[in-house]
Amino acid sequence: AAQHPQVALLRPPVDHYRALDFLKTKEILAETAALRD
């Protein structure tokens, strides 16, 4: 991102989820809903 400052880099709040937490799909989508706006 530092090499491409024109890029808009967005980071939704996903820190406390693990890579294989697919059974938490609804929870992840609910917690990151603000990314849409």
Full PDB file with SEQRES, HELIX, SHEET, SSBOND, CRYST1, ORIGX, SCALE, CONECT and MASTER records, all heavy atoms in Angstrom:
SEQRES   1 A   37  ALA ALA GLN HIS PRO GLN VAL ALA LEU LEU ARG PRO PRO          
SEQRES   2 A   37  VAL ASP HIS TYR ARG ALA LEU ASP PHE LEU LYS THR LYS          
SEQRES   3 A   37  GLU ILE LEU ALA GLU THR ALA ALA LEU ARG ASP                  
HELIX    1 AA1 PHE A   22  LYS A   24  5                                   3    
HELIX    2 AA2 THR A   25  GLU A   31  1                                   7    
HELIX    3 AA3 ALA A   33  LEU A   35  5                                   3    
CRYST1    1.000    1.000    1.000  90.00  90.00  90.00 P 1           1          
ORIGX1      1.000000  0.000000  0.000000        0.00000                         
ORIGX2      0.000000  1.000000  0.000000        0.00000                         
ORIGX3      0.000000  0.000000  1.000000        0.00000                         
SCALE1      1.000000  0.000000  0.000000        0.00000                         
SCALE2      0.000000  1.000000  0.000000        0.00000                         
SCALE3      0.000000  0.000000  1.000000        0.00000                         
ATOM      1  N   ALA A   1       0.825  -1.207   0.000  1.00  0.00           N  
ATOM      2  CA  ALA A   1       0.000   0.000   0.000  1.00  0.00           C  
ATOM      3  C   ALA A   1       0.861   1.260   0.000  1.00  0.00           C  
ATOM      4  O   ALA A   1       0.501   2.269  -0.625  1.00  0.00           O  
ATOM      5  CB  ALA A   1      -0.929  -0.006   1.208  1.00  0.00           C  
ATOM      6  N   ALA A   2       2.000   1.196   0.682  1.00  0.00           N  
ATOM      7  CA  ALA A   2       2.904   2.353   0.702  1.00  0.00           C  
ATOM      8  C   ALA A   2       3.482   2.625  -0.685  1.00  0.00           C  
ATOM      9  O   ALA A   2       3.778   3.775  -1.027  1.00  0.00           O  
ATOM     10  CB  ALA A   2       4.033   2.110   1.696  1.00  0.00           C  
ATOM     11  N   GLN A   3       3.620   1.569  -1.477  1.00  0.00           N  
ATOM     12  CA  GLN A   3       4.131   1.724  -2.842  1.00  0.00           C  
ATOM     13  C   GLN A   3       3.050   2.184  -3.811  1.00  0.00           C  
ATOM     14  O   GLN A   3       3.352   2.611  -4.929  1.00  0.00           O  
ATOM     15  CB  GLN A   3       4.706   0.384  -3.335  1.00  0.00           C  
ATOM     16  CG  GLN A   3       5.769  -0.220  -2.450  1.00  0.00           C  
ATOM     17  CD  GLN A   3       6.936   0.708  -2.197  1.00  0.00           C  
ATOM     18  OE1 GLN A   3       7.500   1.267  -3.136  1.00  0.00           O  
ATOM     19  NE2 GLN A   3       7.282   0.910  -0.932  1.00  0.00           N  
ATOM     20  N   HIS A   4       1.783   2.068  -3.381  1.00  0.00           N  
ATOM     21  CA  HIS A   4       0.646   2.455  -4.230  1.00  0.00           C  
ATOM     22  C   HIS A   4      -0.318   3.318  -3.419  1.00  0.00           C  
ATOM     23  O   HIS A   4      -1.433   2.902  -3.091  1.00  0.00           O  
ATOM     24  CB  HIS A   4      -0.076   1.206  -4.762  1.00  0.00           C  
ATOM     25  CG  HIS A   4       0.799   0.306  -5.589  1.00  0.00           C  
ATOM     26  ND1 HIS A   4       1.639  -0.630  -5.033  1.00  0.00           N  
ATOM     27  CD2 HIS A   4       0.970   0.220  -6.934  1.00  0.00           C  
ATOM     28  CE1 HIS A   4       2.284  -1.268  -5.995  1.00  0.00           C  
ATOM     29  NE2 HIS A   4       1.901  -0.771  -7.148  1.00  0.00           N  
ATOM     30  N   PRO A   5       0.103   4.539  -3.061  1.00  0.00           N  
ATOM     31  CA  PRO A   5      -0.695   5.387  -2.167  1.00  0.00           C  
ATOM     32  C   PRO A   5      -2.042   5.808  -2.738  1.00  0.00           C  
ATOM     33  O   PRO A   5      -2.907   6.275  -1.994  1.00  0.00           O  
ATOM     34  CB  PRO A   5       0.212   6.599  -1.944  1.00  0.00           C  
ATOM     35  CG  PRO A   5       1.132   6.606  -3.125  1.00  0.00           C  
ATOM     36  CD  PRO A   5       1.358   5.183  -3.456  1.00  0.00           C  
ATOM     37  N   GLN A   6      -2.228   5.634  -4.037  1.00  0.00           N  
ATOM     38  CA  GLN A   6      -3.501   6.004  -4.645  1.00  0.00           C  
ATOM     39  C   GLN A   6      -4.595   4.966  -4.370  1.00  0.00           C  
ATOM     40  O   GLN A   6      -5.778   5.212  -4.615  1.00  0.00           O  
ATOM     41  CB  GLN A   6      -3.337   6.188  -6.164  1.00  0.00           C  
ATOM     42  CG  GLN A   6      -3.262   4.916  -6.995  1.00  0.00           C  
ATOM     43  CD  GLN A   6      -1.919   4.195  -6.924  1.00  0.00           C  
ATOM     44  OE1 GLN A   6      -1.031   4.591  -6.176  1.00  0.00           O  
ATOM     45  NE2 GLN A   6      -1.765   3.151  -7.707  1.00  0.00           N  
ATOM     46  N   VAL A   7      -4.194   3.810  -3.862  1.00  0.00           N  
ATOM     47  CA  VAL A   7      -5.152   2.731  -3.589  1.00  0.00           C  
ATOM     48  C   VAL A   7      -5.884   2.990  -2.277  1.00  0.00           C  
ATOM     49  O   VAL A   7      -5.262   3.349  -1.266  1.00  0.00           O  
ATOM     50  CB  VAL A   7      -4.432   1.370  -3.529  1.00  0.00           C  
ATOM     51  CG1 VAL A   7      -5.407   0.266  -3.122  1.00  0.00           C  
ATOM     52  CG2 VAL A   7      -3.789   1.043  -4.874  1.00  0.00           C  
ATOM     53  N   ALA A   8      -7.190   2.787  -2.276  1.00  0.00           N  
ATOM     54  CA  ALA A   8      -7.978   2.888  -1.049  1.00  0.00           C  
ATOM     55  C   ALA A   8      -7.961   1.524  -0.364  1.00  0.00           C  
ATOM     56  O   ALA A   8      -8.560   0.565  -0.860  1.00  0.00           O  
ATOM     57  CB  ALA A   8      -9.408   3.303  -1.369  1.00  0.00           C  
ATOM     58  N   LEU A   9      -7.249   1.418   0.747  1.00  0.00           N  
ATOM     59  CA  LEU A   9      -7.117   0.158   1.476  1.00  0.00           C  
ATOM     60  C   LEU A   9      -8.083   0.141   2.651  1.00  0.00           C  
ATOM     61  O   LEU A   9      -8.024   1.002   3.531  1.00  0.00           O  
ATOM     62  CB  LEU A   9      -5.678  -0.012   1.976  1.00  0.00           C  
ATOM     63  CG  LEU A   9      -5.385  -1.267   2.805  1.00  0.00           C  
ATOM     64  CD1 LEU A   9      -5.610  -2.527   1.978  1.00  0.00           C  
ATOM     65  CD2 LEU A   9      -3.960  -1.221   3.360  1.00  0.00           C  
ATOM     66  N   LEU A  10      -8.971  -0.841   2.671  1.00  0.00           N  
ATOM     67  CA  LEU A  10      -9.978  -0.954   3.724  1.00  0.00           C  
ATOM     68  C   LEU A  10      -9.767  -2.257   4.486  1.00  0.00           C  
ATOM     69  O   LEU A  10      -9.471  -3.304   3.892  1.00  0.00           O  
ATOM     70  CB  LEU A  10     -11.387  -0.929   3.117  1.00  0.00           C  
ATOM     71  CG  LEU A  10     -11.734   0.305   2.266  1.00  0.00           C  
ATOM     72  CD1 LEU A  10     -13.143   0.174   1.697  1.00  0.00           C  
ATOM     73  CD2 LEU A  10     -11.613   1.578   3.089  1.00  0.00           C  
ATOM     74  N   ARG A  11      -9.961  -2.189   5.822  1.00  0.00           N  
ATOM     75  CA  ARG A  11      -9.767  -3.363   6.670  1.00  0.00           C  
ATOM     76  C   ARG A  11     -10.963  -3.543   7.604  1.00  0.00           C  
ATOM     77  O   ARG A  11     -11.090  -2.832   8.604  1.00  0.00           O  
ATOM     78  CB  ARG A  11      -8.481  -3.210   7.488  1.00  0.00           C  
ATOM     79  CG  ARG A  11      -7.207  -3.479   6.683  1.00  0.00           C  
ATOM     80  CD  ARG A  11      -5.965  -3.262   7.498  1.00  0.00           C  
ATOM     81  NE  ARG A  11      -4.805  -3.894   6.884  1.00  0.00           N  
ATOM     82  CZ  ARG A  11      -3.576  -3.391   6.880  1.00  0.00           C  
ATOM     83  NH1 ARG A  11      -3.353  -2.222   7.481  1.00  0.00           N  
ATOM     84  NH2 ARG A  11      -2.584  -4.027   6.303  1.00  0.00           N  
ATOM     85  N   PRO A  12     -11.843  -4.481   7.295  1.00  0.00           N  
ATOM     86  CA  PRO A  12     -12.991  -4.730   8.184  1.00  0.00           C  
ATOM     87  C   PRO A  12     -12.531  -5.386   9.489  1.00  0.00           C  
ATOM     88  O   PRO A  12     -11.432  -5.943   9.553  1.00  0.00           O  
ATOM     89  CB  PRO A  12     -13.869  -5.679   7.356  1.00  0.00           C  
ATOM     90  CG  PRO A  12     -12.904  -6.364   6.433  1.00  0.00           C  
ATOM     91  CD  PRO A  12     -11.854  -5.344   6.108  1.00  0.00           C  
ATOM     92  N   PRO A  13     -13.349  -5.334  10.547  1.00  0.00           N  
ATOM     93  CA  PRO A  13     -12.960  -5.875  11.859  1.00  0.00           C  
ATOM     94  C   PRO A  13     -13.070  -7.396  11.922  1.00  0.00           C  
ATOM     95  O   PRO A  13     -14.112  -7.952  12.290  1.00  0.00           O  
ATOM     96  CB  PRO A  13     -13.959  -5.208  12.809  1.00  0.00           C  
ATOM     97  CG  PRO A  13     -15.175  -4.998  11.961  1.00  0.00           C  
ATOM     98  CD  PRO A  13     -14.667  -4.672  10.583  1.00  0.00           C  
ATOM     99  N   VAL A  14     -11.999  -8.089  11.575  1.00  0.00           N  
ATOM    100  CA  VAL A  14     -12.026  -9.555  11.522  1.00  0.00           C  
ATOM    101  C   VAL A  14     -10.938 -10.199  12.384  1.00  0.00           C  
ATOM    102  O   VAL A  14     -10.728 -11.415  12.307  1.00  0.00           O  
ATOM    103  CB  VAL A  14     -11.868 -10.043  10.061  1.00  0.00           C  
ATOM    104  CG1 VAL A  14     -13.081  -9.670   9.216  1.00  0.00           C  
ATOM    105  CG2 VAL A  14     -10.584  -9.487   9.431  1.00  0.00           C  
ATOM    106  N   ASP A  15     -10.261  -9.399  13.209  1.00  0.00           N  
ATOM    107  CA  ASP A  15      -9.086  -9.890  13.931  1.00  0.00           C  
ATOM    108  C   ASP A  15      -9.337 -11.145  14.768  1.00  0.00           C  
ATOM    109  O   ASP A  15      -8.460 -12.002  14.882  1.00  0.00           O  
ATOM    110  CB  ASP A  15      -8.533  -8.796  14.850  1.00  0.00           C  
ATOM    111  CG  ASP A  15      -7.920  -7.642  14.077  1.00  0.00           C  
ATOM    112  OD1 ASP A  15      -7.793  -7.755  12.848  1.00  0.00           O  
ATOM    113  OD2 ASP A  15      -7.577  -6.619  14.702  1.00  0.00           O  
ATOM    114  N   HIS A  16     -10.509 -11.249  15.398  1.00  0.00           N  
ATOM    115  CA  HIS A  16     -10.711 -12.358  16.329  1.00  0.00           C  
ATOM    116  C   HIS A  16     -11.325 -13.597  15.694  1.00  0.00           C  
ATOM    117  O   HIS A  16     -11.687 -14.547  16.393  1.00  0.00           O  
ATOM    118  CB  HIS A  16     -11.559 -11.900  17.530  1.00  0.00           C  
ATOM    119  CG  HIS A  16     -12.899 -11.346  17.165  1.00  0.00           C  
ATOM    120  ND1 HIS A  16     -13.071 -10.087  16.661  1.00  0.00           N  
ATOM    121  CD2 HIS A  16     -14.136 -11.897  17.241  1.00  0.00           C  
ATOM    122  CE1 HIS A  16     -14.361  -9.867  16.449  1.00  0.00           C  
ATOM    123  NE2 HIS A  16     -15.021 -10.948  16.779  1.00  0.00           N  
ATOM    124  N   TYR A  17     -11.401 -13.610  14.360  1.00  0.00           N  
ATOM    125  CA  TYR A  17     -11.861 -14.816  13.676  1.00  0.00           C  
ATOM    126  C   TYR A  17     -10.691 -15.584  13.101  1.00  0.00           C  
ATOM    127  O   TYR A  17      -9.690 -14.998  12.678  1.00  0.00           O  
ATOM    128  CB  TYR A  17     -12.842 -14.456  12.556  1.00  0.00           C  
ATOM    129  CG  TYR A  17     -14.138 -13.883  13.062  1.00  0.00           C  
ATOM    130  CD1 TYR A  17     -14.412 -12.519  12.941  1.00  0.00           C  
ATOM    131  CD2 TYR A  17     -15.072 -14.697  13.694  1.00  0.00           C  
ATOM    132  CE1 TYR A  17     -15.594 -11.984  13.424  1.00  0.00           C  
ATOM    133  CE2 TYR A  17     -16.262 -14.168  14.189  1.00  0.00           C  
ATOM    134  CZ  TYR A  17     -16.514 -12.816  14.046  1.00  0.00           C  
ATOM    135  OH  TYR A  17     -17.675 -12.290  14.534  1.00  0.00           O  
ATOM    136  N   ARG A  18     -10.823 -16.897  13.074  1.00  0.00           N  
ATOM    137  CA  ARG A  18      -9.782 -17.737  12.500  1.00  0.00           C  
ATOM    138  C   ARG A  18     -10.124 -18.114  11.056  1.00  0.00           C  
ATOM    139  O   ARG A  18     -11.268 -18.046  10.639  1.00  0.00           O  
ATOM    140  CB  ARG A  18      -9.580 -18.998  13.348  1.00  0.00           C  
ATOM    141  CG  ARG A  18      -9.003 -18.689  14.733  1.00  0.00           C  
ATOM    142  CD  ARG A  18      -8.730 -19.935  15.537  1.00  0.00           C  
ATOM    143  NE  ARG A  18      -8.101 -19.618  16.815  1.00  0.00           N  
ATOM    144  CZ  ARG A  18      -7.785 -20.518  17.736  1.00  0.00           C  
ATOM    145  NH1 ARG A  18      -8.052 -21.802  17.518  1.00  0.00           N  
ATOM    146  NH2 ARG A  18      -7.198 -20.140  18.864  1.00  0.00           N  
ATOM    147  N   ALA A  19      -9.113 -18.560  10.351  1.00  0.00           N  
ATOM    148  CA  ALA A  19      -9.265 -18.816   8.923  1.00  0.00           C  
ATOM    149  C   ALA A  19     -10.304 -19.889   8.610  1.00  0.00           C  
ATOM    150  O   ALA A  19     -10.933 -19.855   7.550  1.00  0.00           O  
ATOM    151  CB  ALA A  19      -7.918 -19.215   8.325  1.00  0.00           C  
ATOM    152  N   LEU A  20     -10.507 -20.838   9.521  1.00  0.00           N  
ATOM    153  CA  LEU A  20     -11.438 -21.933   9.254  1.00  0.00           C  
ATOM    154  C   LEU A  20     -12.775 -21.775   9.978  1.00  0.00           C  
ATOM    155  O   LEU A  20     -13.525 -22.739  10.131  1.00  0.00           O  
ATOM    156  CB  LEU A  20     -10.788 -23.270   9.629  1.00  0.00           C  
ATOM    157  CG  LEU A  20      -9.517 -23.606   8.830  1.00  0.00           C  
ATOM    158  CD1 LEU A  20      -8.942 -24.938   9.294  1.00  0.00           C  
ATOM    159  CD2 LEU A  20      -9.792 -23.641   7.329  1.00  0.00           C  
ATOM    160  N   ASP A  21     -13.102 -20.561  10.389  1.00  0.00           N  
ATOM    161  CA  ASP A  21     -14.351 -20.301  11.120  1.00  0.00           C  
ATOM    162  C   ASP A  21     -15.565 -20.173  10.190  1.00  0.00           C  
ATOM    163  O   ASP A  21     -16.401 -19.271  10.370  1.00  0.00           O  
ATOM    164  CB  ASP A  21     -14.229 -19.020  11.956  1.00  0.00           C  
ATOM    165  CG  ASP A  21     -13.550 -19.250  13.284  1.00  0.00           C  
ATOM    166  OD1 ASP A  21     -13.435 -20.415  13.702  1.00  0.00           O  
ATOM    167  OD2 ASP A  21     -13.134 -18.256  13.918  1.00  0.00           O  
ATOM    168  N   PHE A  22     -15.706 -21.062   9.252  1.00  0.00           N  
ATOM    169  CA  PHE A  22     -16.809 -20.932   8.294  1.00  0.00           C  
ATOM    170  C   PHE A  22     -18.178 -21.220   8.912  1.00  0.00           C  
ATOM    171  O   PHE A  22     -19.201 -20.797   8.365  1.00  0.00           O  
ATOM    172  CB  PHE A  22     -16.571 -21.838   7.082  1.00  0.00           C  
ATOM    173  CG  PHE A  22     -15.487 -21.326   6.169  1.00  0.00           C  
ATOM    174  CD1 PHE A  22     -14.200 -21.824   6.245  1.00  0.00           C  
ATOM    175  CD2 PHE A  22     -15.762 -20.314   5.253  1.00  0.00           C  
ATOM    176  CE1 PHE A  22     -13.201 -21.334   5.420  1.00  0.00           C  
ATOM    177  CE2 PHE A  22     -14.766 -19.819   4.428  1.00  0.00           C  
ATOM    178  CZ  PHE A  22     -13.481 -20.331   4.513  1.00  0.00           C  
ATOM    179  N   LEU A  23     -18.207 -21.907  10.036  1.00  0.00           N  
ATOM    180  CA  LEU A  23     -19.487 -22.113  10.713  1.00  0.00           C  
ATOM    181  C   LEU A  23     -19.958 -20.836  11.408  1.00  0.00           C  
ATOM    182  O   LEU A  23     -21.073 -20.783  11.927  1.00  0.00           O  
ATOM    183  CB  LEU A  23     -19.380 -23.254  11.731  1.00  0.00           C  
ATOM    184  CG  LEU A  23     -19.297 -24.665  11.133  1.00  0.00           C  
ATOM    185  CD1 LEU A  23     -19.076 -25.693  12.219  1.00  0.00           C  
ATOM    186  CD2 LEU A  23     -20.561 -24.997  10.335  1.00  0.00           C  
ATOM    187  N   LYS A  24     -19.123 -19.806  11.409  1.00  0.00           N  
ATOM    188  CA  LYS A  24     -19.498 -18.503  11.966  1.00  0.00           C  
ATOM    189  C   LYS A  24     -19.822 -17.507  10.848  1.00  0.00           C  
ATOM    190  O   LYS A  24     -19.700 -16.293  11.033  1.00  0.00           O  
ATOM    191  CB  LYS A  24     -18.364 -17.958  12.843  1.00  0.00           C  
ATOM    192  CG  LYS A  24     -18.074 -18.815  14.066  1.00  0.00           C  
ATOM    193  CD  LYS A  24     -16.968 -18.210  14.919  1.00  0.00           C  
ATOM    194  CE  LYS A  24     -16.686 -19.062  16.148  1.00  0.00           C  
ATOM    195  NZ  LYS A  24     -15.596 -18.491  16.985  1.00  0.00           N  
ATOM    196  N   THR A  25     -20.239 -18.028   9.702  1.00  0.00           N  
ATOM    197  CA  THR A  25     -20.500 -17.176   8.542  1.00  0.00           C  
ATOM    198  C   THR A  25     -21.426 -16.012   8.861  1.00  0.00           C  
ATOM    199  O   THR A  25     -21.133 -14.851   8.550  1.00  0.00           O  
ATOM    200  CB  THR A  25     -21.086 -18.008   7.389  1.00  0.00           C  
ATOM    201  OG1 THR A  25     -20.070 -18.901   6.901  1.00  0.00           O  
ATOM    202  CG2 THR A  25     -21.554 -17.123   6.241  1.00  0.00           C  
ATOM    203  N   LYS A  26     -22.573 -16.294   9.476  1.00  0.00           N  
ATOM    204  CA  LYS A  26     -23.547 -15.237   9.759  1.00  0.00           C  
ATOM    205  C   LYS A  26     -22.979 -14.199  10.726  1.00  0.00           C  
ATOM    206  O   LYS A  26     -23.202 -12.999  10.558  1.00  0.00           O  
ATOM    207  CB  LYS A  26     -24.839 -15.843  10.316  1.00  0.00           C  
ATOM    208  CG  LYS A  26     -25.631 -16.640   9.279  1.00  0.00           C  
ATOM    209  CD  LYS A  26     -26.939 -17.155   9.840  1.00  0.00           C  
ATOM    210  CE  LYS A  26     -27.724 -17.909   8.754  1.00  0.00           C  
ATOM    211  NZ  LYS A  26     -29.003 -18.450   9.260  1.00  0.00           N  
ATOM    212  N   GLU A  27     -22.222 -14.664  11.707  1.00  0.00           N  
ATOM    213  CA  GLU A  27     -21.610 -13.752  12.678  1.00  0.00           C  
ATOM    214  C   GLU A  27     -20.580 -12.847  11.996  1.00  0.00           C  
ATOM    215  O   GLU A  27     -20.538 -11.636  12.237  1.00  0.00           O  
ATOM    216  CB  GLU A  27     -20.944 -14.582  13.778  1.00  0.00           C  
ATOM    217  CG  GLU A  27     -20.294 -13.773  14.876  1.00  0.00           C  
ATOM    218  CD  GLU A  27     -19.624 -14.658  15.903  1.00  0.00           C  
ATOM    219  OE1 GLU A  27     -20.098 -15.792  16.125  1.00  0.00           O  
ATOM    220  OE2 GLU A  27     -18.606 -14.210  16.489  1.00  0.00           O  
ATOM    221  N   ILE A  28     -19.766 -13.432  11.133  1.00  0.00           N  
ATOM    222  CA  ILE A  28     -18.739 -12.650  10.437  1.00  0.00           C  
ATOM    223  C   ILE A  28     -19.392 -11.605   9.530  1.00  0.00           C  
ATOM    224  O   ILE A  28     -18.987 -10.431   9.512  1.00  0.00           O  
ATOM    225  CB  ILE A  28     -17.813 -13.570   9.616  1.00  0.00           C  
ATOM    226  CG1 ILE A  28     -16.981 -14.450  10.551  1.00  0.00           C  
ATOM    227  CG2 ILE A  28     -16.896 -12.753   8.699  1.00  0.00           C  
ATOM    228  CD1 ILE A  28     -16.216 -15.553   9.844  1.00  0.00           C  
ATOM    229  N   LEU A  29     -20.405 -12.013   8.789  1.00  0.00           N  
ATOM    230  CA  LEU A  29     -21.084 -11.077   7.890  1.00  0.00           C  
ATOM    231  C   LEU A  29     -21.769  -9.961   8.672  1.00  0.00           C  
ATOM    232  O   LEU A  29     -21.781  -8.800   8.241  1.00  0.00           O  
ATOM    233  CB  LEU A  29     -22.087 -11.824   7.011  1.00  0.00           C  
ATOM    234  CG  LEU A  29     -21.472 -12.699   5.912  1.00  0.00           C  
ATOM    235  CD1 LEU A  29     -22.556 -13.473   5.173  1.00  0.00           C  
ATOM    236  CD2 LEU A  29     -20.669 -11.863   4.927  1.00  0.00           C  
ATOM    237  N   ALA A  30     -22.340 -10.302   9.819  1.00  0.00           N  
ATOM    238  CA  ALA A  30     -23.005  -9.275  10.629  1.00  0.00           C  
ATOM    239  C   ALA A  30     -21.993  -8.276  11.192  1.00  0.00           C  
ATOM    240  O   ALA A  30     -22.225  -7.054  11.183  1.00  0.00           O  
ATOM    241  CB  ALA A  30     -23.789  -9.934  11.761  1.00  0.00           C  
ATOM    242  N   GLU A  31     -20.866  -8.780  11.665  1.00  0.00           N  
ATOM    243  CA  GLU A  31     -19.887  -7.903  12.308  1.00  0.00           C  
ATOM    244  C   GLU A  31     -19.158  -6.998  11.311  1.00  0.00           C  
ATOM    245  O   GLU A  31     -18.653  -5.936  11.674  1.00  0.00           O  
ATOM    246  CB  GLU A  31     -18.873  -8.727  13.101  1.00  0.00           C  
ATOM    247  CG  GLU A  31     -17.962  -7.883  13.958  1.00  0.00           C  
ATOM    248  CD  GLU A  31     -17.394  -8.638  15.145  1.00  0.00           C  
ATOM    249  OE1 GLU A  31     -17.905  -9.725  15.459  1.00  0.00           O  
ATOM    250  OE2 GLU A  31     -16.442  -8.124  15.749  1.00  0.00           O  
ATOM    251  N   THR A  32     -19.102  -7.430  10.056  1.00  0.00           N  
ATOM    252  CA  THR A  32     -18.368  -6.653   9.047  1.00  0.00           C  
ATOM    253  C   THR A  32     -19.304  -5.898   8.102  1.00  0.00           C  
ATOM    254  O   THR A  32     -18.866  -5.390   7.073  1.00  0.00           O  
ATOM    255  CB  THR A  32     -17.450  -7.577   8.224  1.00  0.00           C  
ATOM    256  OG1 THR A  32     -18.241  -8.601   7.585  1.00  0.00           O  
ATOM    257  CG2 THR A  32     -16.405  -8.238   9.112  1.00  0.00           C  
ATOM    258  N   ALA A  33     -20.576  -5.796   8.466  1.00  0.00           N  
ATOM    259  CA  ALA A  33     -21.575  -5.194   7.572  1.00  0.00           C  
ATOM    260  C   ALA A  33     -21.248  -3.749   7.199  1.00  0.00           C  
ATOM    261  O   ALA A  33     -21.621  -3.281   6.113  1.00  0.00           O  
ATOM    262  CB  ALA A  33     -22.957  -5.267   8.221  1.00  0.00           C  
ATOM    263  N   ALA A  34     -20.552  -3.039   8.062  1.00  0.00           N  
ATOM    264  CA  ALA A  34     -20.232  -1.629   7.787  1.00  0.00           C  
ATOM    265  C   ALA A  34     -19.340  -1.469   6.558  1.00  0.00           C  
ATOM    266  O   ALA A  34     -19.283  -0.386   5.962  1.00  0.00           O  
ATOM    267  CB  ALA A  34     -19.557  -0.999   9.001  1.00  0.00           C  
ATOM    268  N   LEU A  35     -18.654  -2.540   6.169  1.00  0.00           N  
ATOM    269  CA  LEU A  35     -17.785  -2.460   4.995  1.00  0.00           C  
ATOM    270  C   LEU A  35     -18.570  -2.091   3.743  1.00  0.00           C  
ATOM    271  O   LEU A  35     -18.050  -1.411   2.853  1.00  0.00           O  
ATOM    272  CB  LEU A  35     -17.063  -3.796   4.785  1.00  0.00           C  
ATOM    273  CG  LEU A  35     -16.118  -3.874   3.585  1.00  0.00           C  
ATOM    274  CD1 LEU A  35     -14.956  -2.899   3.741  1.00  0.00           C  
ATOM    275  CD2 LEU A  35     -15.594  -5.307   3.408  1.00  0.00           C  
ATOM    276  N   ARG A  36     -19.799  -2.509   3.680  1.00  0.00           N  
ATOM    277  CA  ARG A  36     -20.653  -2.200   2.525  1.00  0.00           C  
ATOM    278  C   ARG A  36     -20.746  -0.693   2.283  1.00  0.00           C  
ATOM    279  O   ARG A  36     -20.510  -0.211   1.163  1.00  0.00           O  
ATOM    280  CB  ARG A  36     -22.046  -2.794   2.758  1.00  0.00           C  
ATOM    281  CG  ARG A  36     -23.088  -2.538   1.683  1.00  0.00           C  
ATOM    282  CD  ARG A  36     -24.348  -3.270   2.083  1.00  0.00           C  
ATOM    283  NE  ARG A  36     -25.471  -3.059   1.178  1.00  0.00           N  
ATOM    284  CZ  ARG A  36     -26.666  -3.655   1.334  1.00  0.00           C  
ATOM    285  NH1 ARG A  36     -26.854  -4.479   2.359  1.00  0.00           N  
ATOM    286  NH2 ARG A  36     -27.645  -3.420   0.484  1.00  0.00           N  
ATOM    287  N   ASP A  37     -21.035   0.059   3.347  1.00  0.00           N  
ATOM    288  CA  ASP A  37     -21.131   1.516   3.211  1.00  0.00           C  
ATOM    289  C   ASP A  37     -19.755   2.158   3.024  1.00  0.00           C  
ATOM    290  O   ASP A  37     -19.627   3.159   2.307  1.00  0.00           O  
ATOM    291  CB  ASP A  37     -21.820   2.120   4.434  1.00  0.00           C  
ATOM    292  CG  ASP A  37     -23.328   1.898   4.415  1.00  0.00           C  
ATOM    293  OD1 ASP A  37     -23.887   1.730   3.308  1.00  0.00           O  
ATOM    294  OD2 ASP A  37     -23.941   1.890   5.496  1.00  0.00           O  
TER     295      ASP A  37                                                      
MASTER        0    0    0    3    0    0    0    6  294    1    0    3          
END                                                                             
